[in-house]
PDB file of N, CA and C in Angstrom:
ATOM      1  N   UNK A   1     -39.437  83.670  24.967  1.00  0.00           N
ATOM      2  CA  UNK A   1     -38.955  82.831  24.529  1.00  0.00           C
ATOM      3  C   UNK A   1     -37.455  82.744  25.245  1.00  0.00           C
ATOM      4  N   UNK A   2     -37.054  81.281  25.448  1.00  0.00           N
ATOM      5  CA  UNK A   2     -35.845  81.076  25.783  1.00  0.00           C
ATOM      6  C   UNK A   2     -34.430  81.444  24.904  1.00  0.00           C
ATOM      7  N   UNK A   3     -33.568  81.281  25.736  1.00  0.00           N
ATOM      8  CA  UNK A   3     -32.163  81.416  24.622  1.00  0.00           C
ATOM      9  C   UNK A   3     -31.765  80.174  23.717  1.00  0.00           C
ATOM     10  N   UNK A   4     -32.597  79.315  23.865  1.00  0.00           N
ATOM     11  CA  UNK A   4     -32.236  78.301  23.820  1.00  0.00           C
ATOM     12  C   UNK A   4     -33.529  78.024  21.888  1.00  0.00           C
ATOM     13  N   UNK A   5     -34.602  79.129  22.141  1.00  0.00           N
ATOM     14  CA  UNK A   5     -35.690  79.087  20.672  1.00  0.00           C
ATOM     15  C   UNK A   5     -35.421  80.931  20.553  1.00  0.00           C
ATOM     16  N   UNK A   6     -34.309  80.860  19.602  1.00  0.00           N
ATOM     17  CA  UNK A   6     -34.169  82.224  19.658  1.00  0.00           C
ATOM     18  C   UNK A   6     -34.938  82.664  18.314  1.00  0.00           C
ATOM     19  N   UNK A   7     -35.460  83.596  18.225  1.00  0.00           N
ATOM     20  CA  UNK A   7     -36.903  84.496  17.199  1.00  0.00           C
ATOM     21  C   UNK A   7     -35.851  84.096  16.156  1.00  0.00           C
ATOM     22  N   UNK A   8     -36.749  83.465  14.706  1.00  0.00           N
ATOM     23  CA  UNK A   8     -35.835  83.279  13.041  1.00  0.00           C
ATOM     24  C   UNK A   8     -36.022  84.393  12.562  1.00  0.00           C
ATOM     25  N   UNK A   9     -35.554  84.003  11.153  1.00  0.00           N
ATOM     26  CA  UNK A   9     -35.837  85.609  10.282  1.00  0.00           C
ATOM     27  C   UNK A   9     -37.185  86.037  10.513  1.00  0.00           C
ATOM     28  N   UNK A  10     -37.889  84.426   9.955  1.00  0.00           N
ATOM     29  CA  UNK A  10     -39.737  84.893   9.821  1.00  0.00           C
ATOM     30  C   UNK A  10     -40.563  84.953  10.194  1.00  0.00           C
ATOM     31  N   UNK A  11     -40.164  84.700  11.847  1.00  0.00           N
ATOM     32  CA  UNK A  11     -41.072  84.520  12.601  1.00  0.00           C
ATOM     33  C   UNK A  11     -41.473  86.191  13.047  1.00  0.00           C
ATOM     34  N   UNK A  12     -42.974  86.506  13.663  1.00  0.00           N
ATOM     35  CA  UNK A  12     -43.397  87.396  13.850  1.00  0.00           C
ATOM     36  C   UNK A  12     -43.081  88.523  15.372  1.00  0.00           C
ATOM     37  N   UNK A  13     -42.343  87.877  16.133  1.00  0.00           N
ATOM     38  CA  UNK A  13     -41.288  88.052  16.816  1.00  0.00           C
ATOM     39  C   UNK A  13     -42.388  89.005  17.629  1.00  0.00           C
ATOM     40  N   UNK A  14     -43.706  88.699  18.022  1.00  0.00           N
ATOM     41  CA  UNK A  14     -44.910  89.385  18.448  1.00  0.00           C
ATOM     42  C   UNK A  14     -45.432  88.314  19.668  1.00  0.00           C
ATOM     43  N   UNK A  15     -46.587  88.707  20.128  1.00  0.00           N
ATOM     44  CA  UNK A  15     -47.356  87.706  20.950  1.00  0.00           C
ATOM     45  C   UNK A  15     -47.492  86.555  20.413  1.00  0.00           C
ATOM     46  N   UNK A  16     -47.741  86.547  18.858  1.00  0.00           N
ATOM     47  CA  UNK A  16     -47.791  84.963  18.109  1.00  0.00           C
ATOM     48  C   UNK A  16     -46.597  83.922  19.010  1.00  0.00           C
ATOM     49  N   UNK A  17     -45.306  84.327  19.151  1.00  0.00           N
ATOM     50  CA  UNK A  17     -44.204  84.060  19.935  1.00  0.00           C
ATOM     51  C   UNK A  17     -44.130  83.623  21.222  1.00  0.00           C
ATOM     52  N   UNK A  18     -44.702  82.246  21.683  1.00  0.00           N
ATOM     53  CA  UNK A  18     -44.204  81.990  22.825  1.00  0.00           C
ATOM     54  C   UNK A  18     -45.465  80.072  22.921  1.00  0.00           C
ATOM     55  N   UNK A  19     -45.857  79.814  24.316  1.00  0.00           N
ATOM     56  CA  UNK A  19     -45.631  78.579  24.250  1.00  0.00           C
ATOM     57  C   UNK A  19     -44.701  77.979  24.032  1.00  0.00           C
ATOM     58  N   UNK A  20     -43.530  77.973  23.664  1.00  0.00           N
ATOM     59  CA  UNK A  20     -42.638  76.923  22.969  1.00  0.00           C
ATOM     60  C   UNK A  20     -42.730  76.715  21.677  1.00  0.00           C
ATOM     61  N   UNK A  21     -43.097  77.495  20.896  1.00  0.00           N
ATOM     62  CA  UNK A  21     -43.037  78.091  19.719  1.00  0.00           C
ATOM     63  C   UNK A  21     -42.969  79.458  18.912  1.00  0.00           C
ATOM     64  N   UNK A  22     -42.203  79.300  17.627  1.00  0.00           N
ATOM     65  CA  UNK A  22     -42.122  80.551  17.174  1.00  0.00           C
ATOM     66  C   UNK A  22     -43.627  80.510  15.882  1.00  0.00           C
ATOM     67  N   UNK A  23     -43.740  81.827  15.467  1.00  0.00           N
ATOM     68  CA  UNK A  23     -45.113  81.791  14.167  1.00  0.00           C
ATOM     69  C   UNK A  23     -44.858  82.850  13.777  1.00  0.00           C
ATOM     70  N   UNK A  24     -44.699  82.785  12.129  1.00  0.00           N
ATOM     71  CA  UNK A  24     -44.848  83.969  10.734  1.00  0.00           C
ATOM     72  C   UNK A  24     -46.366  84.639  11.202  1.00  0.00           C
ATOM     73  N   UNK A  25     -45.951  85.900  10.460  1.00  0.00           N
ATOM     74  CA  UNK A  25     -47.105  86.212  10.637  1.00  0.00           C
ATOM     75  C   UNK A  25     -47.845  85.244   9.191  1.00  0.00           C
ATOM     76  N   UNK A  26     -49.670  85.478   9.050  1.00  0.00           N
ATOM     77  CA  UNK A  26     -50.104  84.947   8.659  1.00  0.00           C
ATOM     78  C   UNK A  26     -49.993  85.096   7.072  1.00  0.00           C
ATOM     79  N   UNK A  27     -50.543  84.808   6.364  1.00  0.00           N
ATOM     80  CA  UNK A  27     -50.469  83.954   4.625  1.00  0.00           C
ATOM     81  C   UNK A  27     -51.414  83.937   4.705  1.00  0.00           C
ATOM     82  N   UNK A  28     -52.548  84.834   3.974  1.00  0.00           N
ATOM     83  CA  UNK A  28     -54.355  84.626   3.517  1.00  0.00           C
ATOM     84  C   UNK A  28     -54.279  84.579   2.228  1.00  0.00           C
ATOM     85  N   UNK A  29     -55.332  83.912   2.260  1.00  0.00           N
ATOM     86  CA  UNK A  29     -55.749  83.339   0.231  1.00  0.00           C
ATOM     87  C   UNK A  29     -57.218  83.667   0.566  1.00  0.00           C
ATOM     88  N   UNK A  30     -57.737  84.460  -0.021  1.00  0.00           N
ATOM     89  CA  UNK A  30     -58.988  84.410   0.378  1.00  0.00           C
ATOM     90  C   UNK A  30     -59.797  84.979  -1.113  1.00  0.00           C
ATOM     91  N   UNK A  31     -60.782  84.244  -0.947  1.00  0.00           N
ATOM     92  CA  UNK A  31     -61.822  83.931  -2.266  1.00  0.00           C
ATOM     93  C   UNK A  31     -63.143  84.355  -1.837  1.00  0.00           C
ATOM     94  N   UNK A  32     -63.591  85.521  -2.040  1.00  0.00           N
ATOM     95  CA  UNK A  32     -65.166  85.994  -1.574  1.00  0.00           C
ATOM     96  C   UNK A  32     -65.566  84.922  -1.740  1.00  0.00           C
ATOM     97  N   UNK A  33     -67.414  84.486  -1.262  1.00  0.00           N
ATOM     98  CA  UNK A  33     -68.559  83.719  -1.117  1.00  0.00           C
ATOM     99  C   UNK A  33     -67.666  82.122  -1.002  1.00  0.00           C
ATOM    100  N   UNK A  34     -66.484  82.163  -1.591  1.00  0.00           N
ATOM    101  CA  UNK A  34     -66.049  80.697  -1.489  1.00  0.00           C
ATOM    102  C   UNK A  34     -65.442  79.871  -0.807  1.00  0.00           C
ATOM    103  N   UNK A  35     -64.219  80.987  -0.033  1.00  0.00           N
ATOM    104  CA  UNK A  35     -63.512  80.087   1.056  1.00  0.00           C
ATOM    105  C   UNK A  35     -62.334  80.805   1.452  1.00  0.00           C
ATOM    106  N   UNK A  36     -61.298  80.726   2.232  1.00  0.00           N
ATOM    107  CA  UNK A  36     -60.471  81.246   2.608  1.00  0.00           C
ATOM    108  C   UNK A  36     -58.843  80.031   3.341  1.00  0.00           C
ATOM    109  N   UNK A  37     -58.251  80.502   3.195  1.00  0.00           N
ATOM    110  CA  UNK A  37     -56.876  79.548   3.482  1.00  0.00           C
ATOM    111  C   UNK A  37     -56.042  80.571   4.524  1.00  0.00           C
ATOM    112  N   UNK A  38     -55.257  80.142   5.321  1.00  0.00           N
ATOM    113  CA  UNK A  38     -54.494  80.826   5.653  1.00  0.00           C
ATOM    114  C   UNK A  38     -53.633  80.092   6.298  1.00  0.00           C
ATOM    115  N   UNK A  39     -52.489  80.233   6.042  1.00  0.00           N
ATOM    116  CA  UNK A  39     -50.868  79.358   6.532  1.00  0.00           C
ATOM    117  C   UNK A  39     -50.116  80.583   7.259  1.00  0.00           C
ATOM    118  N   UNK A  40     -49.267  79.610   8.290  1.00  0.00           N
ATOM    119  CA  UNK A  40     -48.658  79.983   8.991  1.00  0.00           C
ATOM    120  C   UNK A  40     -47.395  78.924   9.246  1.00  0.00           C
ATOM    121  N   UNK A  41     -46.001  79.484   9.183  1.00  0.00           N
ATOM    122  CA  UNK A  41     -45.258  78.782   9.130  1.00  0.00           C
ATOM    123  C   UNK A  41     -44.552  78.959  11.073  1.00  0.00           C
ATOM    124  N   UNK A  42     -44.447  77.758  11.698  1.00  0.00           N
ATOM    125  CA  UNK A  42     -44.039  77.152  13.243  1.00  0.00           C
ATOM    126  C   UNK A  42     -43.043  76.475  13.553  1.00  0.00           C
ATOM    127  N   UNK A  43     -41.956  77.070  14.054  1.00  0.00           N
ATOM    128  CA  UNK A  43     -40.958  76.019  14.694  1.00  0.00           C
ATOM    129  C   UNK A  43     -41.375  75.725  16.385  1.00  0.00           C
ATOM    130  N   UNK A  44     -41.132  74.397  16.775  1.00  0.00           N
ATOM    131  CA  UNK A  44     -41.563  74.497  18.024  1.00  0.00           C
ATOM    132  C   UNK A  44     -40.261  74.506  18.428  1.00  0.00           C
ATOM    133  N   UNK A  45     -40.525  74.186  20.195  1.00  0.00           N
ATOM    134  CA  UNK A  45     -39.232  73.973  20.843  1.00  0.00           C
ATOM    135  C   UNK A  45     -38.125  73.505  20.525  1.00  0.00           C
ATOM    136  N   UNK A  46     -38.226  72.265  20.011  1.00  0.00           N
ATOM    137  CA  UNK A  46     -37.344  71.135  19.830  1.00  0.00           C
ATOM    138  C   UNK A  46     -36.861  71.332  18.666  1.00  0.00           C
ATOM    139  N   UNK A  47     -37.186  72.445  17.885  1.00  0.00           N
ATOM    140  CA  UNK A  47     -36.691  72.758  16.316  1.00  0.00           C
ATOM    141  C   UNK A  47     -37.383  71.954  14.840  1.00  0.00           C
ATOM    142  N   UNK A  48     -38.283  71.145  15.435  1.00  0.00           N
ATOM    143  CA  UNK A  48     -39.163  71.008  14.107  1.00  0.00           C
ATOM    144  C   UNK A  48     -39.967  72.012  13.375  1.00  0.00           C
ATOM    145  N   UNK A  49     -40.159  72.225  12.435  1.00  0.00           N
ATOM    146  CA  UNK A  49     -40.779  73.455  11.416  1.00  0.00           C
ATOM    147  C   UNK A  49     -42.217  72.192  10.973  1.00  0.00           C
ATOM    148  N   UNK A  50     -43.382  73.641  10.869  1.00  0.00           N
ATOM    149  CA  UNK A  50     -44.622  72.641  10.244  1.00  0.00           C
ATOM    150  C   UNK A  50     -45.344  74.025   9.797  1.00  0.00           C
ATOM    151  N   UNK A  51     -45.956  73.610   8.803  1.00  0.00           N
ATOM    152  CA  UNK A  51     -46.866  74.976   8.244  1.00  0.00           C
ATOM    153  C   UNK A  51     -48.246  74.758   8.562  1.00  0.00           C
ATOM    154  N   UNK A  52     -48.885  75.649   9.473  1.00  0.00           N
ATOM    155  CA  UNK A  52     -50.444  74.967   9.984  1.00  0.00           C
ATOM    156  C   UNK A  52     -51.156  75.557   8.721  1.00  0.00           C
ATOM    157  N   UNK A  53     -52.580  75.185   8.493  1.00  0.00           N
ATOM    158  CA  UNK A  53     -53.041  75.647   7.414  1.00  0.00           C
ATOM    159  C   UNK A  53     -54.776  75.708   8.107  1.00  0.00           C
ATOM    160  N   UNK A  54     -55.183  76.723   7.993  1.00  0.00           N
ATOM    161  CA  UNK A  54     -56.667  76.931   8.263  1.00  0.00           C
ATOM    162  C   UNK A  54     -57.267  77.069   7.184  1.00  0.00           C
ATOM    163  N   UNK A  55     -58.405  75.957   6.874  1.00  0.00           N
ATOM    164  CA  UNK A  55     -59.249  76.372   6.009  1.00  0.00           C
ATOM    165  C   UNK A  55     -60.730  76.672   6.288  1.00  0.00           C
ATOM    166  N   UNK A  56     -61.118  77.660   5.474  1.00  0.00           N
ATOM    167  CA  UNK A  56     -63.223  77.565   5.768  1.00  0.00           C
ATOM    168  C   UNK A  56     -63.638  77.362   4.203  1.00  0.00           C
ATOM    169  N   UNK A  57     -64.499  76.839   4.126  1.00  0.00           N
ATOM    170  CA  UNK A  57     -64.924  76.549   2.958  1.00  0.00           C
ATOM    171  C   UNK A  57     -66.113  76.389   2.566  1.00  0.00           C
ATOM    172  N   UNK A  58     -66.890  77.537   1.868  1.00  0.00           N
ATOM    173  CA  UNK A  58     -68.530  77.672   2.075  1.00  0.00           C
ATOM    174  C   UNK A  58     -68.918  76.022   1.568  1.00  0.00           C
ATOM    175  N   UNK A  59     -70.218  75.821   2.071  1.00  0.00           N
ATOM    176  CA  UNK A  59     -70.818  74.260   1.955  1.00  0.00           C
ATOM    177  C   UNK A  59     -71.778  74.661   1.366  1.00  0.00           C
ATOM    178  N   UNK A  60     -72.668  73.816   0.226  1.00  0.00           N
ATOM    179  CA  UNK A  60     -74.081  73.917  -0.420  1.00  0.00           C
ATOM    180  C   UNK A  60     -74.740  73.804   0.436  1.00  0.00           C
ATOM    181  N   UNK A  61     -75.927  74.414   0.567  1.00  0.00           N
ATOM    182  CA  UNK A  61     -77.164  74.262   1.129  1.00  0.00           C
ATOM    183  C   UNK A  61     -77.151  72.516   1.824  1.00  0.00           C
ATOM    184  N   UNK A  62     -77.282  71.891   0.717  1.00  0.00           N
ATOM    185  CA  UNK A  62     -77.828  70.604   0.701  1.00  0.00           C
ATOM    186  C   UNK A  62     -76.763  69.721   0.755  1.00  0.00           C
ATOM    187  N   UNK A  63     -77.174  68.987   1.771  1.00  0.00           N
ATOM    188  CA  UNK A  63     -76.632  67.864   2.670  1.00  0.00           C
ATOM    189  C   UNK A  63     -75.235  67.176   1.692  1.00  0.00           C
ATOM    190  N   UNK A  64     -76.496  66.621   0.828  1.00  0.00           N
ATOM    191  CA  UNK A  64     -75.377  65.631  -0.282  1.00  0.00           C
ATOM    192  C   UNK A  64     -74.660  65.997  -1.442  1.00  0.00           C
ATOM    193  N   UNK A  65     -74.803  67.250  -1.290  1.00  0.00           N
ATOM    194  CA  UNK A  65     -73.806  68.555  -2.040  1.00  0.00           C
ATOM    195  C   UNK A  65     -72.703  68.694  -1.627  1.00  0.00           C
ATOM    196  N   UNK A  66     -73.173  69.078   0.083  1.00  0.00           N
ATOM    197  CA  UNK A  66     -71.854  69.087   0.687  1.00  0.00           C
ATOM    198  C   UNK A  66     -70.723  68.352   1.305  1.00  0.00           C
ATOM    199  N   UNK A  67     -71.560  67.040   1.511  1.00  0.00           N
ATOM    200  CA  UNK A  67     -70.748  65.922   1.564  1.00  0.00           C
ATOM    201  C   UNK A  67     -69.925  65.700   0.116  1.00  0.00           C
ATOM    202  N   UNK A  68     -70.417  65.859  -0.568  1.00  0.00           N
ATOM    203  CA  UNK A  68     -69.360  65.979  -1.853  1.00  0.00           C
ATOM    204  C   UNK A  68     -68.145  66.986  -2.047  1.00  0.00           C
ATOM    205  N   UNK A  69     -68.492  67.707  -1.532  1.00  0.00           N
ATOM    206  CA  UNK A  69     -67.665  68.917  -1.404  1.00  0.00           C
ATOM    207  C   UNK A  69     -66.825  68.623  -0.627  1.00  0.00           C
ATOM    208  N   UNK A  70     -67.280  68.142   0.861  1.00  0.00           N
ATOM    209  CA  UNK A  70     -66.285  67.647   1.524  1.00  0.00           C
ATOM    210  C   UNK A  70     -65.247  66.508   1.056  1.00  0.00           C
ATOM    211  N   UNK A  71     -65.910  65.564   0.400  1.00  0.00           N
ATOM    212  CA  UNK A  71     -65.372  64.391  -0.215  1.00  0.00           C
ATOM    213  C   UNK A  71     -63.846  64.780  -1.080  1.00  0.00           C
ATOM    214  N   UNK A  72     -64.379  65.997  -1.548  1.00  0.00           N
ATOM    215  CA  UNK A  72     -63.440  66.742  -3.151  1.00  0.00           C
ATOM    216  C   UNK A  72     -62.369  67.352  -2.025  1.00  0.00           C
ATOM    217  N   UNK A  73     -62.591  67.633  -1.197  1.00  0.00           N
ATOM    218  CA  UNK A  73     -61.806  68.903  -0.198  1.00  0.00           C
ATOM    219  C   UNK A  73     -60.614  67.485   0.449  1.00  0.00           C
ATOM    220  N   UNK A  74     -61.216  66.179   0.657  1.00  0.00           N
ATOM    221  CA  UNK A  74     -60.590  65.561   1.531  1.00  0.00           C
ATOM    222  C   UNK A  74     -59.251  65.115   0.802  1.00  0.00           C
ATOM    223  N   UNK A  75     -59.984  64.616  -0.464  1.00  0.00           N
ATOM    224  CA  UNK A  75     -59.186  64.197  -1.662  1.00  0.00           C
ATOM    225  C   UNK A  75     -57.902  64.913  -1.881  1.00  0.00           C
ATOM    226  N   UNK A  76     -58.256  66.263  -2.245  1.00  0.00           N
ATOM    227  CA  UNK A  76     -57.658  67.038  -2.810  1.00  0.00           C
ATOM    228  C   UNK A  76     -56.435  67.459  -1.522  1.00  0.00           C
ATOM    229  N   UNK A  77     -56.672  67.537  -0.395  1.00  0.00           N
ATOM    230  CA  UNK A  77     -55.933  67.277   0.651  1.00  0.00           C
ATOM    231  C   UNK A  77     -54.934  66.364   1.066  1.00  0.00           C
ATOM    232  N   UNK A  78     -55.307  65.232   0.991  1.00  0.00           N
ATOM    233  CA  UNK A  78     -54.354  63.934   0.321  1.00  0.00           C
ATOM    234  C   UNK A  78     -53.149  63.981  -0.505  1.00  0.00           C
ATOM    235  N   UNK A  79     -53.922  64.430  -1.590  1.00  0.00           N
ATOM    236  CA  UNK A  79     -52.628  64.503  -2.743  1.00  0.00           C
ATOM    237  C   UNK A  79     -51.949  65.569  -2.582  1.00  0.00           C
ATOM    238  N   UNK A  80     -52.543  66.365  -1.740  1.00  0.00           N
ATOM    239  CA  UNK A  80     -51.438  67.877  -1.444  1.00  0.00           C
ATOM    240  C   UNK A  80     -50.792  67.773  -0.397  1.00  0.00           C
ATOM    241  N   UNK A  81     -50.965  67.289   0.259  1.00  0.00           N
ATOM    242  CA  UNK A  81     -50.175  66.384   1.440  1.00  0.00           C
ATOM    243  C   UNK A  81     -48.549  65.368   0.869  1.00  0.00           C
ATOM    244  N   UNK A  82     -49.381  64.522   0.079  1.00  0.00           N
ATOM    245  CA  UNK A  82     -48.023  64.113  -0.688  1.00  0.00           C
ATOM    246  C   UNK A  82     -47.131  64.627  -1.692  1.00  0.00           C
ATOM    247  N   UNK A  83     -47.885  65.570  -2.481  1.00  0.00           N
ATOM    248  CA  UNK A  83     -47.022  66.222  -3.306  1.00  0.00           C
ATOM    249  C   UNK A  83     -46.206  67.045  -2.652  1.00  0.00           C
ATOM    250  N   UNK A  84     -46.135  67.597  -1.315  1.00  0.00           N
ATOM    251  CA  UNK A  84     -45.214  68.395  -0.469  1.00  0.00           C
ATOM    252  C   UNK A  84     -44.817  67.656  -0.036  1.00  0.00           C
ATOM    253  N   UNK A  85     -44.758  65.963   0.774  1.00  0.00           N
ATOM    254  CA  UNK A  85     -43.681  65.921   1.397  1.00  0.00           C
ATOM    255  C   UNK A  85     -42.864  65.076   0.231  1.00  0.00           C
ATOM    256  N   UNK A  86     -42.921  65.105  -1.050  1.00  0.00           N
ATOM    257  CA  UNK A  86     -42.145  64.333  -2.207  1.00  0.00           C
ATOM    258  C   UNK A  86     -41.420  66.020  -2.673  1.00  0.00           C
ATOM    259  N   UNK A  87     -41.780  66.822  -2.320  1.00  0.00           N
ATOM    260  CA  UNK A  87     -41.000  68.613  -2.667  1.00  0.00           C
ATOM    261  C   UNK A  87     -39.704  68.367  -1.563  1.00  0.00           C
ATOM    262  N   UNK A  88     -39.890  67.785  -0.254  1.00  0.00           N
ATOM    263  CA  UNK A  88     -38.545  67.918   0.438  1.00  0.00           C
ATOM    264  C   UNK A  88     -37.683  66.990  -0.044  1.00  0.00           C
ATOM    265  N   UNK A  89     -37.863  66.001  -0.636  1.00  0.00           N
ATOM    266  CA  UNK A  89     -36.952  65.157  -1.067  1.00  0.00           C
ATOM    267  C   UNK A  89     -36.065  66.080  -1.868  1.00  0.00           C
ATOM    268  N   UNK A  90     -34.276  65.442  -1.975  1.00  0.00           N
ATOM    269  CA  UNK A  90     -33.357  65.869  -2.845  1.00  0.00           C
ATOM    270  C   UNK A  90     -33.805  66.051  -4.360  1.00  0.00           C
ATOM    271  N   UNK A  91     -33.191  66.649  -5.016  1.00  0.00           N
ATOM    272  CA  UNK A  91     -33.503  66.680  -6.571  1.00  0.00           C
ATOM    273  C   UNK A  91     -33.020  65.302  -6.909  1.00  0.00           C
ATOM    274  N   UNK A  92     -33.144  65.091  -8.180  1.00  0.00           N
ATOM    275  CA  UNK A  92     -32.133  63.739  -8.686  1.00  0.00           C
ATOM    276  C   UNK A  92     -31.302  64.215  -9.426  1.00  0.00           C
ATOM    277  N   UNK A  93     -30.216  63.489  -9.473  1.00  0.00           N
ATOM    278  CA  UNK A  93     -29.404  63.873 -10.109  1.00  0.00           C
ATOM    279  C   UNK A  93     -28.890  63.290 -11.550  1.00  0.00           C
ATOM    280  N   UNK A  94     -28.675  64.185 -12.140  1.00  0.00           N
ATOM    281  CA  UNK A  94     -28.709  64.385 -13.543  1.00  0.00           C
ATOM    282  C   UNK A  94     -26.723  63.735 -14.247  1.00  0.00           C
TER     283      UNK A  94
END
């Protein structure tokens, strides 16, 4: 990385840092036979930070059930994104 983008306290500081970004170690949630989620904190060369989330979800063998699972997942992700965005707002004054 260039001097413009020094390693952060949370970045892995290894081969994951490159191509204009810093990346943390992966945080893994594994539910055997159900799915897996991997979260990685990333900072771009421009200084913007993101959480990268990768999901593997075991789908039902029947197409109708698999589509229902996908719809449920997408609905839940929409709710999650909204809640995460709200968490960035300042706490209300009391």
